[in-house]
Amino acid sequence: MAFAHEICVHTKDRWVRRPFVLADWQREEIVAPLFGEVRWDEE
């Protein structure tokens, strides 16, 4: 999810060069199911 906010930027109109800011429903219903979840192991 950080990819969309940190790397992806708008390319046109008044939002040019501004980062994508995903809404909560976009993160939960689109991005998370599409890419999965990272769970770090203590080992």
Protein backbone atom coordinates (compact mmCIF):
# COMPACT_ATOMS: atom_id res chain seq x y z
CA MET A 1 0.00 0.00 0.00
CA ALA A 2 2.93 2.28 0.55
CA PHE A 3 3.78 1.83 -3.15
CA ALA A 4 0.72 3.81 -4.24
CA HIS A 5 1.38 6.60 -1.78
CA GLU A 6 5.17 6.88 -2.06
CA ILE A 7 5.88 6.10 -5.71
CA CYS A 8 2.73 6.59 -7.78
CA VAL A 9 1.85 10.17 -8.64
CA HIS A 10 -0.87 11.81 -10.68
CA THR A 11 0.21 12.89 -14.14
CA LYS A 12 -2.52 15.26 -15.31
CA ASP A 13 -4.68 18.19 -14.38
CA ARG A 14 -4.55 19.99 -11.03
CA TRP A 15 -3.21 16.90 -9.21
CA VAL A 16 -0.02 16.63 -11.28
CA ARG A 17 2.97 15.31 -9.28
CA ARG A 18 0.87 14.75 -6.14
CA PRO A 19 0.89 11.31 -4.53
CA PHE A 20 -2.04 8.91 -4.70
CA VAL A 21 -3.95 8.94 -1.43
CA LEU A 22 -6.06 5.83 -1.15
CA ALA A 23 -9.33 5.90 0.75
CA ASP A 24 -9.84 3.32 3.49
CA TRP A 25 -12.26 1.30 1.34
CA GLN A 26 -9.78 1.26 -1.55
CA ARG A 27 -7.04 -0.15 0.69
CA GLU A 28 -9.30 -2.73 2.34
CA GLU A 29 -11.40 -3.86 -0.62
CA ILE A 30 -9.05 -3.52 -3.60
CA VAL A 31 -5.35 -3.27 -2.76
CA ALA A 32 -5.11 -5.65 0.22
CA PRO A 33 -6.97 -8.56 -1.45
CA LEU A 34 -5.07 -8.02 -4.69
CA PHE A 35 -1.55 -8.03 -3.24
CA GLY A 36 -2.03 -9.86 0.04
CA GLU A 37 -0.62 -9.11 3.45
CA VAL A 38 2.95 -9.22 4.76
CA ARG A 39 3.43 -10.85 8.14
CA TRP A 40 6.91 -10.73 9.63
CA ASP A 41 8.19 -13.70 11.58
CA GLU A 42 10.36 -13.06 14.64
CA GLU A 43 12.95 -15.58 13.45
